Amino acid sequence: MLLFQFSSFAQSNIPSAKIITEDATLDDDYYDEEDDDEDYEEEELPMVEAFDSELDEPEAPTKKKDKDFDFAAKKPTTPSMSGGLPDIEAKAFRVEIHRRSDSLRVYLFKDPSTAITKVGRILLLKRDSENVMAFRVIKTYYPDKEQFAARKVRKYPNYSALDEGDQYLAIEKIADLFPYESIEEIEQDQADLEELEEAEEDDEEELEVEPLPIVQAYDPELDAGTTPPPGDSRVNKVSDLSSIMIEQVKPFETDSQLLSAQVGFLRNSNADGTFGYFSGTGFRYGVNIARMIFLSNSKTQDSFALEGGLFVYKLLNWETANDAYTAIPLHLTVRYNVVFEKTFGLFFYLGVLRNEVVGGSASETALSLLRNTQPAGGMGLMFQMGPKWFIRMDLGFDLATAGLSLRF
């Protein structure tokens, strides 16, 4: 036997009363889930009066739920003291069967009163004073639709299935209303609460401490002999941490060798003793001998290289008609490179140029003029055009050439 206590249900138009039914409860453990296709037979339940003068104590027709529990007004409600089950907080609202599944296990309900039940709640459907069926809410469709779906957990005699469009009163259990076994238990709870609240107030008062004093950056008494006072020259001795850090710089020229193929004009003597430039082609080979001597940062670096070259060109009608000579200039220089962020380089070179002649029946005069040693010096540019590949241009006293270079 279960006792339902209703405060006020304006939406369902149910008077305030105690409803006592036999063999019907909203507790989860009391429901037996079973399939609809099983035959369920149960004797008709006897009706019990709504109020028994011996078992039920008189109370106000309505009960207002206060924010704080009133221990002084509360009386024991357990079976051992009052002869019945504890009061529960519940709500009642009207529902309508909107649709049902083929298995008759799950029903879709309309909730025109927007009571907004929650998933997991147990609902007992009643018609007048008769229990109809109990359900557990498994899904809600608020606020888009005023509907919810529930699965049947218990049925009562004469109600094996519910028809679409039927309306019932749904009673939903919210919570138990403070069951107590004795007046002494109520008084003990009230005393314990007062003890806890007083201790909490005492802790808050102890936490109200004075603010800590402001600590100065330099204390003449505490820091004397250990920390120099503000303005001391020793404090600012190291103002920039970068001055004591080792800068990790990666070299731009990770390859030490350079092979160049060039075409251009090379300097040699004319037949009349003057100097001129003759077109030819050749190769250069250089090796780095020093790196990052004067410039060693992440944007600009330098290096020294030793480089030798060999060129060749033809001399036609140089002294007389139909004479021909093959000149082979030999180039040996020291090159100083300045590289800017890997992609662009400027260099200066200084060395010697030795011109040799082969072939033909040259006279002694011609040989003395064509075989000569000259100073070599000038500058050049290098542009990176791909991984390890560069465009190289040389312009100096001894030659003017352009070509491709490969680092390896």
Foldseek 3Di string as FASTA:
>chain_A
DDWEFEADAPQAPDFGFIQDFPLDDQDPVSFAADFLPDDDDDDDGDGDDRDDPQQDDDDDSHDDDDPDDDLVPDFAAPCVPRVHHFYFYKYKHKKFFADADPRLFKTKIAGVSLPDDDAQWKKFWDDPSHTAFIWGWHADDPPVGRMTMTGTGGGDPPHSHDDGGDMTMIMTTDGTDDHDDGSVVSVVVVVVVVVVVVVVVVVVVVPPDDDDDDDDPDDCVPCPPPDDDPPDPVVCPPVDVVVVDDDDEDFLAPFFKKKWKKWFWFWFAALVGHIDTDTKIWMKIKGWDFWQDPHGDNFKIKTKIKMKMKIWDKDACRPHHGWIKIKIKIDTWMKIWMDGNNFKIKIKIWDKIFIAIDDTDDDPSVRVRRGDMDIWIFMKMWGDDDVQKIWIWTDTDGITMTTIMGGD
